[in-house]
C-alpha atoms as a PDB file:
ATOM      1  CA  MET A   1       5.992  34.412 -44.616  1.00  0.00           C
ATOM      2  CA  LEU A   2       2.588  36.705 -44.334  1.00  0.00           C
ATOM      3  CA  LYS A   3       1.647  39.334 -42.127  1.00  0.00           C
ATOM      4  CA  VAL A   4      -1.348  39.338 -39.854  1.00  0.00           C
ATOM      5  CA  ARG A   5      -2.144  42.453 -41.632  1.00  0.00           C
ATOM      6  CA  GLU A   6      -2.346  40.574 -45.202  1.00  0.00           C
ATOM      7  CA  ILE A   7      -4.442  37.862 -43.758  1.00  0.00           C
ATOM      8  CA  VAL A   8      -6.914  40.564 -42.020  1.00  0.00           C
ATOM      9  CA  ASN A   9      -6.873  42.007 -45.526  1.00  0.00           C
ATOM     10  CA  LEU A  10      -7.143  38.705 -46.923  1.00  0.00           C
ATOM     11  CA  LEU A  11     -10.291  37.827 -44.467  1.00  0.00           C
ATOM     12  CA  GLU A  12     -12.363  41.044 -45.551  1.00  0.00           C
ATOM     13  CA  ARG A  13     -12.173  40.687 -48.228  1.00  0.00           C
ATOM     14  CA  GLU A  14     -13.760  37.878 -48.666  1.00  0.00           C
ATOM     15  CA  VAL A  15     -16.352  38.246 -45.195  1.00  0.00           C
ATOM     16  CA  PRO A  16     -16.367  41.996 -45.044  1.00  0.00           C
ATOM     17  CA  PRO A  17     -16.727  43.038 -41.841  1.00  0.00           C
ATOM     18  CA  GLU A  18     -19.069  45.787 -42.804  1.00  0.00           C
ATOM     19  CA  LEU A  19     -21.807  43.195 -42.765  1.00  0.00           C
ATOM     20  CA  GLN A  20     -21.641  42.657 -39.072  1.00  0.00           C
ATOM     21  CA  GLU A  21     -25.126  44.122 -36.762  1.00  0.00           C
ATOM     22  CA  ASP A  22     -24.463  47.566 -35.066  1.00  0.00           C
ATOM     23  CA  TRP A  23     -24.051  45.683 -31.517  1.00  0.00           C
ATOM     24  CA  ASP A  24     -21.402  43.141 -33.238  1.00  0.00           C
ATOM     25  CA  ASN A  25     -17.650  43.164 -32.745  1.00  0.00           C
ATOM     26  CA  THR A  26     -16.556  41.261 -35.563  1.00  0.00           C
ATOM     27  CA  GLY A  27     -12.724  42.134 -36.400  1.00  0.00           C
ATOM     28  CA  LEU A  28      -8.644  42.089 -35.298  1.00  0.00           C
ATOM     29  CA  LEU A  29      -9.563  41.971 -31.821  1.00  0.00           C
ATOM     30  CA  ILE A  30      -5.680  41.419 -30.509  1.00  0.00           C
ATOM     31  CA  GLY A  31      -3.129  42.950 -33.258  1.00  0.00           C
ATOM     32  CA  PHE A  32       0.112  42.285 -33.951  1.00  0.00           C
ATOM     33  CA  LYS A  33       0.096  43.561 -37.339  1.00  0.00           C
ATOM     34  CA  GLU A  34       2.949  43.399 -38.786  1.00  0.00           C
ATOM     35  CA  ARG A  35       4.158  39.700 -37.011  1.00  0.00           C
ATOM     36  CA  GLU A  36       4.712  37.138 -39.551  1.00  0.00           C
ATOM     37  CA  VAL A  37       2.032  34.255 -40.032  1.00  0.00           C
ATOM     38  CA  SER A  38       3.211  30.388 -40.418  1.00  0.00           C
ATOM     39  CA  LYS A  39       0.336  28.922 -38.607  1.00  0.00           C
ATOM     40  CA  ILE A  40      -3.371  29.795 -37.759  1.00  0.00           C
ATOM     41  CA  LEU A  41      -5.824  27.980 -35.653  1.00  0.00           C
ATOM     42  CA  THR A  42      -9.481  28.424 -36.309  1.00  0.00           C
ATOM     43  CA  CYS A  43     -12.235  27.985 -33.939  1.00  0.00           C
ATOM     44  CA  LEU A  44     -16.187  28.843 -32.460  1.00  0.00           C
ATOM     45  CA  GLU A  45     -14.652  30.440 -29.919  1.00  0.00           C
ATOM     46  CA  ILE A  46     -12.001  30.786 -27.614  1.00  0.00           C
ATOM     47  CA  ASP A  47     -11.802  30.369 -23.935  1.00  0.00           C
ATOM     48  CA  LYS A  48      -8.383  28.068 -22.163  1.00  0.00           C
ATOM     49  CA  ARG A  49      -8.414  25.364 -23.968  1.00  0.00           C
ATOM     50  CA  VAL A  50      -8.568  27.183 -26.897  1.00  0.00           C
ATOM     51  CA  VAL A  51      -5.575  28.938 -26.126  1.00  0.00           C
ATOM     52  CA  GLN A  52      -3.556  25.927 -25.241  1.00  0.00           C
ATOM     53  CA  GLU A  53      -4.090  24.437 -28.274  1.00  0.00           C
ATOM     54  CA  ALA A  54      -2.719  27.480 -29.966  1.00  0.00           C
ATOM     55  CA  GLU A  55       0.038  27.265 -27.606  1.00  0.00           C
ATOM     56  CA  GLU A  56       0.289  23.274 -28.831  1.00  0.00           C
ATOM     57  CA  ILE A  57       0.704  24.107 -32.198  1.00  0.00           C
ATOM     58  CA  ASP A  58       2.382  27.050 -31.825  1.00  0.00           C
ATOM     59  CA  ALA A  59      -0.471  29.392 -33.857  1.00  0.00           C
ATOM     60  CA  ASP A  60       0.622  33.072 -34.514  1.00  0.00           C
ATOM     61  CA  MET A  61      -2.818  33.729 -35.388  1.00  0.00           C
ATOM     62  CA  ILE A  62      -7.035  32.316 -34.248  1.00  0.00           C
ATOM     63  CA  ILE A  63      -9.439  33.558 -35.998  1.00  0.00           C
ATOM     64  CA  SER A  64     -13.005  32.764 -34.347  1.00  0.00           C
ATOM     65  CA  HIS A  65     -16.526  32.844 -35.057  1.00  0.00           C
ATOM     66  CA  HIS A  66     -17.882  34.556 -31.404  1.00  0.00           C
ATOM     67  CA  PRO A  67     -15.987  37.819 -30.200  1.00  0.00           C
ATOM     68  CA  LEU A  68     -13.392  36.928 -27.651  1.00  0.00           C
ATOM     69  CA  ILE A  69     -13.559  40.728 -26.773  1.00  0.00           C
ATOM     70  CA  PHE A  70     -17.422  41.340 -27.240  1.00  0.00           C
ATOM     71  CA  GLN A  71     -17.809  44.736 -24.660  1.00  0.00           C
ATOM     72  CA  GLY A  72     -15.993  47.281 -23.397  1.00  0.00           C
ATOM     73  CA  VAL A  73     -13.015  45.887 -21.337  1.00  0.00           C
ATOM     74  CA  LYS A  74     -12.817  47.970 -17.597  1.00  0.00           C
ATOM     75  CA  ALA A  75      -9.606  46.562 -16.348  1.00  0.00           C
ATOM     76  CA  LEU A  76      -7.352  43.224 -17.568  1.00  0.00           C
ATOM     77  CA  ARG A  77      -6.479  41.479 -13.916  1.00  0.00           C
ATOM     78  CA  ASP A  78      -4.470  38.347 -12.960  1.00  0.00           C
ATOM     79  CA  ASP A  79      -7.813  36.909 -10.680  1.00  0.00           C
ATOM     80  CA  ASP A  80     -10.420  37.508 -13.449  1.00  0.00           C
ATOM     81  CA  TYR A  81     -11.153  34.627 -16.176  1.00  0.00           C
ATOM     82  CA  LYS A  82     -11.822  36.507 -19.124  1.00  0.00           C
ATOM     83  CA  SER A  83      -8.690  39.244 -18.800  1.00  0.00           C
ATOM     84  CA  GLU A  84      -6.180  36.331 -17.771  1.00  0.00           C
ATOM     85  CA  MET A  85      -6.918  34.837 -20.758  1.00  0.00           C
ATOM     86  CA  ILE A  86      -6.867  37.580 -22.938  1.00  0.00           C
ATOM     87  CA  MET A  87      -3.300  38.500 -21.245  1.00  0.00           C
ATOM     88  CA  ASP A  88      -1.939  35.457 -21.777  1.00  0.00           C
ATOM     89  CA  ILE A  89      -2.955  35.541 -25.986  1.00  0.00           C
ATOM     90  CA  ILE A  90      -1.290  38.747 -25.340  1.00  0.00           C
ATOM     91  CA  TYR A  91       1.887  37.784 -23.442  1.00  0.00           C
ATOM     92  CA  ARG A  92       2.807  35.010 -26.220  1.00  0.00           C
ATOM     93  CA  GLY A  93       2.138  37.849 -29.023  1.00  0.00           C
ATOM     94  CA  ILE A  94      -1.159  35.576 -31.068  1.00  0.00           C
ATOM     95  CA  SER A  95      -3.407  37.888 -33.127  1.00  0.00           C
ATOM     96  CA  VAL A  96      -7.051  37.539 -32.652  1.00  0.00           C
ATOM     97  CA  TYR A  97      -9.751  38.191 -35.664  1.00  0.00           C
ATOM     98  CA  SER A  98     -13.387  37.280 -34.800  1.00  0.00           C
ATOM     99  CA  CYS A  99     -15.900  36.940 -38.260  1.00  0.00           C
ATOM    100  CA  HIS A 100     -19.261  36.847 -36.123  1.00  0.00           C
ATOM    101  CA  THR A 101     -22.901  38.083 -37.955  1.00  0.00           C
ATOM    102  CA  SER A 102     -20.615  37.931 -40.853  1.00  0.00           C
ATOM    103  CA  PHE A 103     -19.742  35.075 -41.180  1.00  0.00           C
ATOM    104  CA  ASP A 104     -23.243  34.201 -40.948  1.00  0.00           C
ATOM    105  CA  LYS A 105     -24.604  36.542 -43.886  1.00  0.00           C
ATOM    106  CA  VAL A 106     -21.768  36.158 -46.140  1.00  0.00           C
ATOM    107  CA  LYS A 107     -22.932  33.521 -48.897  1.00  0.00           C
ATOM    108  CA  GLY A 108     -21.024  30.595 -48.237  1.00  0.00           C
ATOM    109  CA  GLY A 109     -21.450  31.481 -44.592  1.00  0.00           C
ATOM    110  CA  ASN A 110     -22.647  29.723 -41.498  1.00  0.00           C
ATOM    111  CA  ASN A 111     -26.299  30.213 -42.896  1.00  0.00           C
ATOM    112  CA  ASP A 112     -25.826  28.533 -46.385  1.00  0.00           C
ATOM    113  CA  ILE A 113     -23.803  26.103 -44.530  1.00  0.00           C
ATOM    114  CA  ILE A 114     -26.787  24.757 -42.729  1.00  0.00           C
ATOM    115  CA  MET A 115     -29.360  25.014 -45.373  1.00  0.00           C
ATOM    116  CA  GLU A 116     -26.229  22.589 -47.922  1.00  0.00           C
ATOM    117  CA  LYS A 117     -26.290  19.662 -45.290  1.00  0.00           C
ATOM    118  CA  MET A 118     -30.513  19.777 -44.899  1.00  0.00           C
ATOM    119  CA  GLY A 119     -30.517  20.047 -48.684  1.00  0.00           C
ATOM    120  CA  LEU A 120     -32.660  22.909 -49.041  1.00  0.00           C
ATOM    121  CA  SER A 121     -32.653  24.635 -52.655  1.00  0.00           C
ATOM    122  CA  SER A 122     -33.474  27.599 -53.658  1.00  0.00           C
ATOM    123  CA  ILE A 123     -32.312  29.909 -51.234  1.00  0.00           C
ATOM    124  CA  LYS A 124     -33.100  33.255 -49.821  1.00  0.00           C
ATOM    125  CA  ASN A 125     -33.103  35.487 -47.032  1.00  0.00           C
ATOM    126  CA  LEU A 126     -35.592  35.849 -44.132  1.00  0.00           C
ATOM    127  CA  LYS A 127     -37.949  37.753 -46.689  1.00  0.00           C
ATOM    128  CA  GLY A 128     -37.694  35.811 -49.343  1.00  0.00           C
ATOM    129  CA  GLU A 129     -35.667  37.998 -51.658  1.00  0.00           C
ATOM    130  CA  GLU A 130     -32.217  37.300 -52.987  1.00  0.00           C
ATOM    131  CA  VAL A 131     -28.602  37.138 -51.279  1.00  0.00           C
ATOM    132  CA  THR A 132     -27.060  39.489 -52.840  1.00  0.00           C
ATOM    133  CA  SER A 133     -23.299  40.152 -52.948  1.00  0.00           C
ATOM    134  CA  PRO A 134     -22.020  41.440 -49.594  1.00  0.00           C
ATOM    135  CA  SER A 135     -21.567  45.412 -50.688  1.00  0.00           C
ATOM    136  CA  LYS A 136     -25.398  45.445 -51.941  1.00  0.00           C
ATOM    137  CA  MET A 137     -26.066  43.336 -48.377  1.00  0.00           C
ATOM    138  CA  ALA A 138     -23.752  46.113 -46.096  1.00  0.00           C
ATOM    139  CA  GLU A 139     -25.530  49.038 -48.238  1.00  0.00           C
ATOM    140  CA  ARG A 140     -29.127  47.961 -47.020  1.00  0.00           C
ATOM    141  CA  ARG A 141     -28.517  46.409 -43.418  1.00  0.00           C
ATOM    142  CA  ASP A 142     -31.542  44.556 -43.834  1.00  0.00           C
ATOM    143  CA  GLU A 143     -31.798  42.049 -40.500  1.00  0.00           C
ATOM    144  CA  ALA A 144     -33.264  39.570 -43.060  1.00  0.00           C
ATOM    145  CA  ASP A 145     -30.043  38.369 -44.652  1.00  0.00           C
ATOM    146  CA  ILE A 146     -28.874  37.066 -41.057  1.00  0.00           C
ATOM    147  CA  GLY A 147     -31.034  33.956 -41.902  1.00  0.00           C
ATOM    148  CA  ARG A 148     -32.043  31.449 -45.341  1.00  0.00           C
ATOM    149  CA  ILE A 149     -35.354  30.479 -46.310  1.00  0.00           C
ATOM    150  CA  GLY A 150     -35.015  27.289 -48.542  1.00  0.00           C
ATOM    151  CA  GLU A 151     -37.514  24.533 -49.860  1.00  0.00           C
ATOM    152  CA  PHE A 152     -37.264  21.038 -49.439  1.00  0.00           C
ATOM    153  CA  ARG A 153     -37.321  18.828 -53.400  1.00  0.00           C
ATOM    154  CA  HIS A 154     -40.439  17.282 -51.880  1.00  0.00           C
ATOM    155  CA  ALA A 155     -42.842  17.595 -48.756  1.00  0.00           C
ATOM    156  CA  MET A 156     -41.640  15.817 -45.769  1.00  0.00           C
ATOM    157  CA  THR A 157     -43.246  15.202 -41.930  1.00  0.00           C
ATOM    158  CA  TYR A 158     -42.069  17.476 -39.476  1.00  0.00           C
ATOM    159  CA  LYS A 159     -40.662  14.524 -37.328  1.00  0.00           C
ATOM    160  CA  ASN A 160     -38.789  13.300 -40.435  1.00  0.00           C
ATOM    161  CA  VAL A 161     -37.443  16.467 -40.636  1.00  0.00           C
ATOM    162  CA  ILE A 162     -36.379  15.935 -36.766  1.00  0.00           C
ATOM    163  CA  GLU A 163     -34.732  13.032 -37.555  1.00  0.00           C
ATOM    164  CA  MET A 164     -32.420  14.599 -40.675  1.00  0.00           C
ATOM    165  CA  ALA A 165     -31.003  16.753 -38.775  1.00  0.00           C
ATOM    166  CA  ALA A 166     -29.788  15.157 -36.053  1.00  0.00           C
ATOM    167  CA  GLU A 167     -27.956  13.409 -38.949  1.00  0.00           C
ATOM    168  CA  LYS A 168     -27.048  15.962 -40.736  1.00  0.00           C
ATOM    169  CA  LEU A 169     -26.079  17.692 -37.804  1.00  0.00           C
ATOM    170  CA  ASN A 170     -24.098  15.214 -36.180  1.00  0.00           C
ATOM    171  CA  MET A 171     -26.635  15.591 -33.431  1.00  0.00           C
ATOM    172  CA  SER A 172     -28.462  13.235 -30.568  1.00  0.00           C
ATOM    173  CA  ILE A 173     -31.885  13.407 -31.702  1.00  0.00           C
ATOM    174  CA  ARG A 174     -32.033  14.180 -27.418  1.00  0.00           C
ATOM    175  CA  GLN A 175     -30.026  17.570 -27.784  1.00  0.00           C
ATOM    176  CA  LEU A 176     -33.163  19.153 -30.199  1.00  0.00           C
ATOM    177  CA  ARG A 177     -36.234  20.799 -28.475  1.00  0.00           C
ATOM    178  CA  ALA A 178     -39.432  20.510 -31.027  1.00  0.00           C
ATOM    179  CA  VAL A 179     -42.150  23.167 -31.183  1.00  0.00           C
ATOM    180  CA  GLY A 180     -45.202  21.596 -33.022  1.00  0.00           C
ATOM    181  CA  SER A 181     -47.532  18.930 -34.534  1.00  0.00           C
ATOM    182  CA  LEU A 182     -44.946  16.166 -35.708  1.00  0.00           C
ATOM    183  CA  GLU A 183     -47.747  15.772 -37.865  1.00  0.00           C
ATOM    184  CA  THR A 184     -46.958  18.754 -39.937  1.00  0.00           C
ATOM    185  CA  GLU A 185     -46.047  19.106 -43.842  1.00  0.00           C
ATOM    186  CA  ILE A 186     -42.781  20.405 -44.053  1.00  0.00           C
ATOM    187  CA  LYS A 187     -41.738  22.332 -47.176  1.00  0.00           C
ATOM    188  CA  LYS A 188     -39.737  25.464 -46.856  1.00  0.00           C
ATOM    189  CA  VAL A 189     -37.652  26.030 -44.260  1.00  0.00           C
ATOM    190  CA  GLY A 190     -36.080  29.155 -42.535  1.00  0.00           C
ATOM    191  CA  VAL A 191     -33.215  28.944 -40.665  1.00  0.00           C
ATOM    192  CA  CYS A 192     -30.545  31.013 -38.771  1.00  0.00           C
ATOM    193  CA  THR A 193     -27.895  30.113 -36.606  1.00  0.00           C
ATOM    194  CA  GLY A 194     -27.449  30.261 -33.206  1.00  0.00           C
ATOM    195  CA  ALA A 195     -29.427  32.823 -31.044  1.00  0.00           C
ATOM    196  CA  GLY A 196     -32.401  33.844 -34.197  1.00  0.00           C
ATOM    197  CA  ALA A 197     -35.515  32.460 -32.737  1.00  0.00           C
ATOM    198  CA  ASP A 198     -36.662  36.633 -32.548  1.00  0.00           C
ATOM    199  CA  LEU A 199     -36.336  36.609 -36.483  1.00  0.00           C
ATOM    200  CA  ALA A 200     -39.109  33.307 -36.714  1.00  0.00           C
ATOM    201  CA  ALA A 201     -41.774  36.002 -37.150  1.00  0.00           C
ATOM    202  CA  MET A 202     -39.813  36.993 -39.760  1.00  0.00           C
ATOM    203  CA  ALA A 203     -39.920  33.732 -41.671  1.00  0.00           C
ATOM    204  CA  ALA A 204     -43.395  32.863 -40.341  1.00  0.00           C
ATOM    205  CA  SER A 205     -43.922  35.585 -42.696  1.00  0.00           C
ATOM    206  CA  SER A 206     -42.109  34.288 -45.972  1.00  0.00           C
ATOM    207  CA  GLY A 207     -44.722  30.944 -45.911  1.00  0.00           C
ATOM    208  CA  CYS A 208     -42.130  29.201 -43.809  1.00  0.00           C
ATOM    209  CA  GLN A 209     -43.860  26.198 -42.201  1.00  0.00           C
ATOM    210  CA  LEU A 210     -40.447  25.550 -40.023  1.00  0.00           C
ATOM    211  CA  PHE A 211     -37.717  27.614 -38.891  1.00  0.00           C
ATOM    212  CA  ILE A 212     -34.642  26.014 -37.222  1.00  0.00           C
ATOM    213  CA  THR A 213     -32.210  28.213 -35.069  1.00  0.00           C
ATOM    214  CA  GLY A 214     -30.646  27.679 -31.560  1.00  0.00           C
ATOM    215  CA  ASP A 215     -31.465  29.188 -27.732  1.00  0.00           C
ATOM    216  CA  VAL A 216     -35.764  29.500 -28.168  1.00  0.00           C
ATOM    217  CA  LYS A 217     -37.478  31.059 -25.049  1.00  0.00           C
ATOM    218  CA  TYR A 218     -40.782  29.918 -23.739  1.00  0.00           C
ATOM    219  CA  HIS A 219     -42.884  32.530 -24.808  1.00  0.00           C
ATOM    220  CA  GLU A 220     -40.607  32.664 -28.857  1.00  0.00           C
ATOM    221  CA  ALA A 221     -41.956  29.035 -29.024  1.00  0.00           C
ATOM    222  CA  LEU A 222     -45.375  30.076 -27.768  1.00  0.00           C
ATOM    223  CA  ASP A 223     -44.961  33.168 -30.218  1.00  0.00           C
ATOM    224  CA  ALA A 224     -44.420  30.338 -33.765  1.00  0.00           C
ATOM    225  CA  LEU A 225     -47.578  28.044 -32.106  1.00  0.00           C
ATOM    226  CA  GLN A 226     -49.324  31.448 -32.365  1.00  0.00           C
ATOM    227  CA  ASP A 227     -47.589  32.396 -36.089  1.00  0.00           C
ATOM    228  CA  GLY A 228     -49.045  28.615 -37.347  1.00  0.00           C
ATOM    229  CA  MET A 229     -44.305  27.540 -37.954  1.00  0.00           C
ATOM    230  CA  CYS A 230     -42.783  24.625 -36.317  1.00  0.00           C
ATOM    231  CA  LEU A 231     -39.453  25.958 -34.265  1.00  0.00           C
ATOM    232  CA  LEU A 232     -36.669  23.343 -33.582  1.00  0.00           C
ATOM    233  CA  ASP A 233     -33.908  24.545 -31.776  1.00  0.00           C
ATOM    234  CA  ALA A 234     -30.928  22.251 -32.763  1.00  0.00           C
ATOM    235  CA  GLY A 235     -28.611  24.646 -30.041  1.00  0.00           C
ATOM    236  CA  HIS A 236     -26.557  27.764 -30.269  1.00  0.00           C
ATOM    237  CA  TYR A 237     -22.979  25.199 -30.811  1.00  0.00           C
ATOM    238  CA  GLY A 238     -25.415  22.656 -32.901  1.00  0.00           C
ATOM    239  CA  THR A 239     -25.801  24.754 -35.436  1.00  0.00           C
ATOM    240  CA  GLU A 240     -22.506  27.583 -35.782  1.00  0.00           C
ATOM    241  CA  LYS A 241     -19.878  24.418 -34.491  1.00  0.00           C
ATOM    242  CA  PHE A 242     -19.661  23.638 -38.302  1.00  0.00           C
ATOM    243  CA  PHE A 243     -17.090  27.255 -38.622  1.00  0.00           C
ATOM    244  CA  ALA A 244     -13.464  25.890 -37.932  1.00  0.00           C
ATOM    245  CA  GLU A 245     -13.909  23.746 -40.200  1.00  0.00           C
ATOM    246  CA  GLU A 246     -15.575  25.778 -42.930  1.00  0.00           C
ATOM    247  CA  MET A 247     -12.921  28.644 -42.304  1.00  0.00           C
ATOM    248  CA  LYS A 248     -10.203  26.416 -42.863  1.00  0.00           C
ATOM    249  CA  LYS A 249     -10.836  25.266 -45.810  1.00  0.00           C
ATOM    250  CA  LEU A 250     -11.620  28.754 -46.929  1.00  0.00           C
ATOM    251  CA  LEU A 251      -8.194  29.800 -45.623  1.00  0.00           C
ATOM    252  CA  ASP A 252      -6.603  26.835 -47.901  1.00  0.00           C
ATOM    253  CA  LYS A 253      -8.237  27.333 -50.530  1.00  0.00           C
ATOM    254  CA  LYS A 254      -7.210  30.675 -50.787  1.00  0.00           C
ATOM    255  CA  LEU A 255      -3.905  30.568 -49.082  1.00  0.00           C
ATOM    256  CA  GLY A 256      -2.489  26.932 -49.987  1.00  0.00           C
ATOM    257  CA  ASP A 257       0.675  25.830 -48.763  1.00  0.00           C
ATOM    258  CA  LYS A 258       1.799  29.457 -47.506  1.00  0.00           C
ATOM    259  CA  VAL A 259       0.358  29.160 -44.189  1.00  0.00           C
ATOM    260  CA  GLN A 260      -0.618  26.290 -42.018  1.00  0.00           C
ATOM    261  CA  ILE A 261      -4.556  26.102 -41.282  1.00  0.00           C
ATOM    262  CA  THR A 262      -5.531  23.750 -37.805  1.00  0.00           C
ATOM    263  CA  ALA A 263      -9.452  23.504 -37.516  1.00  0.00           C
ATOM    264  CA  SER A 264      -9.360  23.736 -33.696  1.00  0.00           C
ATOM    265  CA  GLY A 265     -10.762  20.248 -32.200  1.00  0.00           C
ATOM    266  CA  ILE A 266     -12.133  21.253 -28.752  1.00  0.00           C
ATOM    267  CA  SER A 267     -15.884  21.056 -28.188  1.00  0.00           C
ATOM    268  CA  MET A 268     -17.899  24.185 -27.775  1.00  0.00           C
ATOM    269  CA  GLU A 269     -20.750  22.196 -26.590  1.00  0.00           C
ATOM    270  CA  PRO A 270     -21.448  23.116 -22.934  1.00  0.00           C
ATOM    271  CA  PHE A 271     -24.445  20.632 -21.945  1.00  0.00           C
ATOM    272  CA  GLU A 272     -24.298  17.254 -21.671  1.00  0.00           C
ATOM    273  CA  ILE A 273     -27.116  14.892 -22.753  1.00  0.00           C
ATOM    274  CA  LEU A 274     -28.404  12.553 -20.150  1.00  0.00           C
END
């Protein structure tokens, strides 16, 4: 049976933590390194429902996209939601590894998943450069690597792209927020999963007619219009919800039947469709 430290070593070979942004907190955030691992739960985010899910399947380890501990923890108290959750995880001996912006950047990670689902090809980073190896990414530390640019085989209207996005990302079209004329011809598309609207200008400079991301703010939308580029807000959850299944696939491929991997079935979409 594999130990926590061996799972961590495997993860960090596939998705080097050196790729993370300076402000990020990727890595083993709660660790019982020498404990054996028979079951792993993968998830986008950790909340009390996910912890209960881990308990129900008797998981020894949780692998999340978003960090459970993001900023400095100054106290752990049972009258605080997150503190209580962290203490519960520790009490149950569950290790937690978070694989955040490193998985956004690495080839095959979140952004490449969206590119594939949308049928985009000729994939580059947001500056239009080749997507390099993890070691080269870590060495050059270029923010452009956190997103992708690709092209449709044939140009289509923005309206048609929106309809495609709703289908391919398994979303209601009412969950998508569109900036720009629906009749705009779209061929070249930039993507940054999560909250990446601050990188839209980089995509515009590389000739994109459309940038897809989440959590778009009012002035970011206006800036995109000024740059002559359409913007599609598919939500933070909508663009990153595939992590749990994709991480499960990665671990299944690398671990075989040595460890049982379960992808969380809990939706982390906080917004309701009216």
